[in-house]
Amino acid sequence: VDECTEGLDDCADPQLQCRNTVGGYGCIPRCSADLLFDPQQGACVSKFKIHSHSHTLKQY
């Protein structure tokens, strides 16, 4: 059963959206167009990741 598609969820807040899961559903934040929901952080995060490179200096 997909509670989200069938309208069986209780994610009534317009700031939330329904995310179907195995055996249920969850209400997650509705992210703006330039953000994605990161379930590990439980928040909307940038689509673009900033990578930093570390440089190691070796003495010869």
Protein backbone atom coordinates (compact mmCIF):
# COMPACT_ATOMS: atom_id res chain seq x y z
CA VAL A 1 0.00 0.00 0.00
CA ASP A 2 1.30 3.46 -0.92
CA GLU A 3 -0.26 5.76 1.67
CA CYS A 4 1.06 8.86 -0.12
CA THR A 5 -0.53 8.09 -3.48
CA GLU A 6 -3.77 6.91 -1.92
CA GLY A 7 -4.06 9.98 0.32
CA LEU A 8 -3.95 7.97 3.55
CA ASP A 9 -1.14 10.04 5.10
CA ASP A 10 -1.52 12.86 7.62
CA CYS A 11 1.12 15.20 6.17
CA ALA A 12 -1.36 18.10 6.14
CA ASP A 13 1.19 20.88 6.75
CA PRO A 14 2.03 22.56 3.39
CA GLN A 15 5.68 22.63 4.50
CA LEU A 16 5.71 18.80 4.47
CA GLN A 17 5.45 16.15 1.79
CA CYS A 18 4.69 12.45 2.07
CA ARG A 19 7.50 9.94 1.40
CA ASN A 20 6.40 6.32 0.97
CA THR A 21 8.40 3.71 2.89
CA VAL A 22 8.21 -0.07 3.24
CA GLY A 23 5.32 -0.68 5.60
CA GLY A 24 4.36 2.97 6.04
CA TYR A 25 5.24 6.54 5.18
CA GLY A 26 6.99 9.58 6.58
CA CYS A 27 6.35 13.32 6.45
CA ILE A 28 9.49 15.12 5.31
CA PRO A 29 10.21 18.83 4.72
CA ARG A 30 9.20 20.17 1.32
CA CYS A 31 12.51 21.51 -0.03
CA SER A 32 12.84 24.49 -2.36
CA ALA A 33 13.96 23.90 -5.96
CA ASP A 34 17.69 24.33 -5.21
CA LEU A 35 17.66 21.92 -2.24
CA LEU A 36 17.25 18.18 -1.69
CA PHE A 37 16.08 16.32 1.40
CA ASP A 38 18.93 14.46 3.12
CA PRO A 39 17.46 11.71 5.32
CA GLN A 40 20.72 11.34 7.27
CA GLN A 41 20.58 14.98 8.35
CA GLY A 42 16.78 15.17 8.42
CA ALA A 43 16.93 18.48 6.57
CA CYS A 44 17.02 20.15 3.17
CA VAL A 45 20.56 20.55 1.87
CA SER A 46 22.17 22.08 -1.21
CA LYS A 47 22.13 20.02 -4.41
CA PHE A 48 25.70 21.12 -4.93
CA LYS A 49 28.40 19.82 -2.64
CA ILE A 50 31.55 21.79 -1.98
CA HIS A 51 34.59 19.57 -1.89
CA SER A 52 37.78 20.63 -0.24
CA HIS A 53 41.05 19.05 -1.19
CA SER A 54 43.78 18.56 1.33
CA HIS A 55 47.34 18.84 0.18
CA THR A 56 50.13 17.10 2.01
CA LEU A 57 53.63 18.46 1.85
CA LYS A 58 56.36 15.87 2.06
CA GLN A 59 59.89 16.63 3.10
CA TYR A 60 62.67 14.88 1.11
